[in-house]
Amino acid sequence: MSTSISISRLRKIVAEADAAYASSREAMEGVRDAKSAVRAIEARINPKTGVDGVYASKNWDHVPKADWPPEYREARETLAEVEAAVARQSEITQHAGRMKTRALEFARLHRIALPADLEGKI
């Protein structure tokens, strides 16, 4: 059985994998932003202590969601959505990375000369 790969196809696979990695980084930034928003809201709604800038922690997971302040509920829902998006993006990124690795290994195994832009990609 003969298998071949063109340099243009190889470039396309590498570009798709690189785009998946970039999307994954953006998704993780979204999680960090959502977590920061949740923490900021918790800082406003949690009971205050006598010390400036220090607030008592409260485990909101033990409080029924119906009793959560609306802005906190919305922030937590956003965080859950963003975390689910990261899980989906992680699967896509892993698949794209495997495809990229296989394609570049195939090229090396068959002694296909890689162009300069693909040389350091593996």
Protein backbone atom coordinates (compact mmCIF):
# COMPACT_ATOMS: atom_id res chain seq x y z
CA MET A 1 0.00 0.00 0.00
CA SER A 2 1.35 3.37 -0.98
CA THR A 3 0.71 6.52 0.99
CA SER A 4 1.81 9.97 0.03
CA ILE A 5 1.50 13.45 1.39
CA SER A 6 2.00 16.72 -0.38
CA ILE A 7 3.85 19.62 1.13
CA SER A 8 0.73 21.78 0.78
CA ARG A 9 -1.29 19.18 2.72
CA LEU A 10 1.43 19.02 5.35
CA ARG A 11 1.38 22.83 5.65
CA LYS A 12 -2.40 22.74 6.03
CA ILE A 13 -2.23 20.15 8.83
CA VAL A 14 0.43 22.17 10.67
CA ALA A 15 -1.58 25.39 10.26
CA GLU A 16 -4.73 23.70 11.60
CA ALA A 17 -2.84 22.38 14.62
CA ASP A 18 -1.29 25.77 15.32
CA ALA A 19 -4.74 27.40 15.07
CA ALA A 20 -6.15 24.82 17.49
CA TYR A 21 -3.37 25.59 19.99
CA ALA A 22 -4.09 29.33 19.68
CA SER A 23 -7.81 28.73 20.25
CA SER A 24 -6.99 26.62 23.27
CA ARG A 25 -4.89 29.43 24.75
CA GLU A 26 -7.73 31.90 24.16
CA ALA A 27 -10.19 29.53 25.84
CA MET A 28 -7.94 29.26 28.88
CA GLU A 29 -7.74 33.05 29.06
CA GLY A 30 -11.55 33.06 29.09
CA VAL A 31 -11.52 30.69 32.07
CA ARG A 32 -9.07 32.91 33.94
CA ASP A 33 -11.23 35.96 33.23
CA ALA A 34 -14.40 34.17 34.35
CA LYS A 35 -12.73 32.95 37.56
CA SER A 36 -11.54 36.48 38.27
CA ALA A 37 -15.08 37.78 37.81
CA VAL A 38 -16.44 35.15 40.21
CA ARG A 39 -13.79 36.00 42.81
CA ALA A 40 -14.48 39.72 42.49
CA ILE A 41 -18.19 39.17 43.04
CA GLU A 42 -17.47 36.88 45.99
CA ALA A 43 -15.30 39.62 47.50
CA ARG A 44 -18.24 42.03 47.28
CA ILE A 45 -20.94 39.68 48.59
CA ASN A 46 -19.07 37.69 51.25
CA PRO A 47 -19.24 38.91 54.85
CA LYS A 48 -16.61 41.50 55.72
CA THR A 49 -14.16 41.21 58.59
CA GLY A 50 -12.83 44.08 60.63
CA VAL A 51 -9.64 44.26 58.57
CA ASP A 52 -9.59 46.33 55.38
CA GLY A 53 -9.37 44.23 52.24
CA VAL A 54 -10.06 40.97 54.07
CA TYR A 55 -13.35 39.17 53.75
CA ALA A 56 -14.64 35.98 55.29
CA SER A 57 -14.87 33.11 52.88
CA LYS A 58 -18.21 31.48 52.29
CA ASN A 59 -18.70 28.23 50.43
CA TRP A 60 -21.46 29.16 48.00
CA ASP A 61 -21.70 25.56 46.78
CA HIS A 62 -23.48 24.73 50.04
CA VAL A 63 -26.04 27.49 49.50
CA PRO A 64 -29.02 26.68 47.25
CA LYS A 65 -28.64 28.33 43.85
CA ALA A 66 -32.00 30.02 44.30
CA ASP A 67 -30.48 31.98 47.20
CA TRP A 68 -27.43 33.16 45.23
CA PRO A 69 -27.33 36.83 44.27
CA PRO A 70 -28.26 37.21 40.57
CA GLU A 71 -24.89 38.61 39.48
CA TYR A 72 -23.08 35.75 41.23
CA ARG A 73 -25.36 33.13 39.66
CA GLU A 74 -24.75 34.62 36.22
CA ALA A 75 -20.97 34.69 36.77
CA ARG A 76 -20.93 31.06 37.91
CA GLU A 77 -23.02 29.99 34.91
CA THR A 78 -20.62 31.82 32.61
CA LEU A 79 -17.69 30.09 34.29
CA ALA A 80 -19.32 26.68 33.81
CA GLU A 81 -19.95 27.41 30.11
CA VAL A 82 -16.37 28.57 29.58
CA GLU A 83 -14.97 25.49 31.34
CA ALA A 84 -17.11 23.25 29.12
CA ALA A 85 -15.79 25.09 26.06
CA VAL A 86 -12.23 24.48 27.26
CA ALA A 87 -12.94 20.75 27.58
CA ARG A 88 -14.27 20.64 24.01
CA GLN A 89 -11.36 22.70 22.70
CA SER A 90 -8.91 20.44 24.51
CA GLU A 91 -10.18 17.42 22.57
CA ILE A 92 -9.87 19.32 19.28
CA THR A 93 -6.37 20.49 20.14
CA GLN A 94 -5.24 16.98 21.09
CA HIS A 95 -6.56 15.56 17.83
CA ALA A 96 -4.94 18.31 15.75
CA GLY A 97 -1.65 17.82 17.60
CA ARG A 98 -1.69 14.08 16.94
CA MET A 99 -2.41 14.66 13.24
CA LYS A 100 0.43 17.17 13.01
CA THR A 101 2.87 14.83 14.75
CA ARG A 102 1.91 11.88 12.54
CA ALA A 103 2.21 13.91 9.35
CA LEU A 104 5.62 15.31 10.26
CA GLU A 105 6.86 11.89 11.41
CA PHE A 106 5.64 10.39 8.12
CA ALA A 107 7.57 13.04 6.20
CA ARG A 108 10.73 12.36 8.21
CA LEU A 109 10.36 8.59 7.94
CA HIS A 110 10.08 8.79 4.16
CA ARG A 111 12.90 11.31 3.98
CA ILE A 112 10.70 14.01 2.54
CA ALA A 113 12.66 17.25 2.68
CA LEU A 114 10.70 19.69 4.78
CA PRO A 115 10.59 23.34 3.77
CA ALA A 116 12.28 25.79 6.11
CA ASP A 117 8.96 26.97 7.58
CA LEU A 118 8.10 23.42 8.72
CA GLU A 119 11.57 22.33 9.80
CA GLY A 120 11.28 23.22 13.51
CA LYS A 121 7.61 22.28 13.94
CA ILE A 122 8.07 18.80 15.41
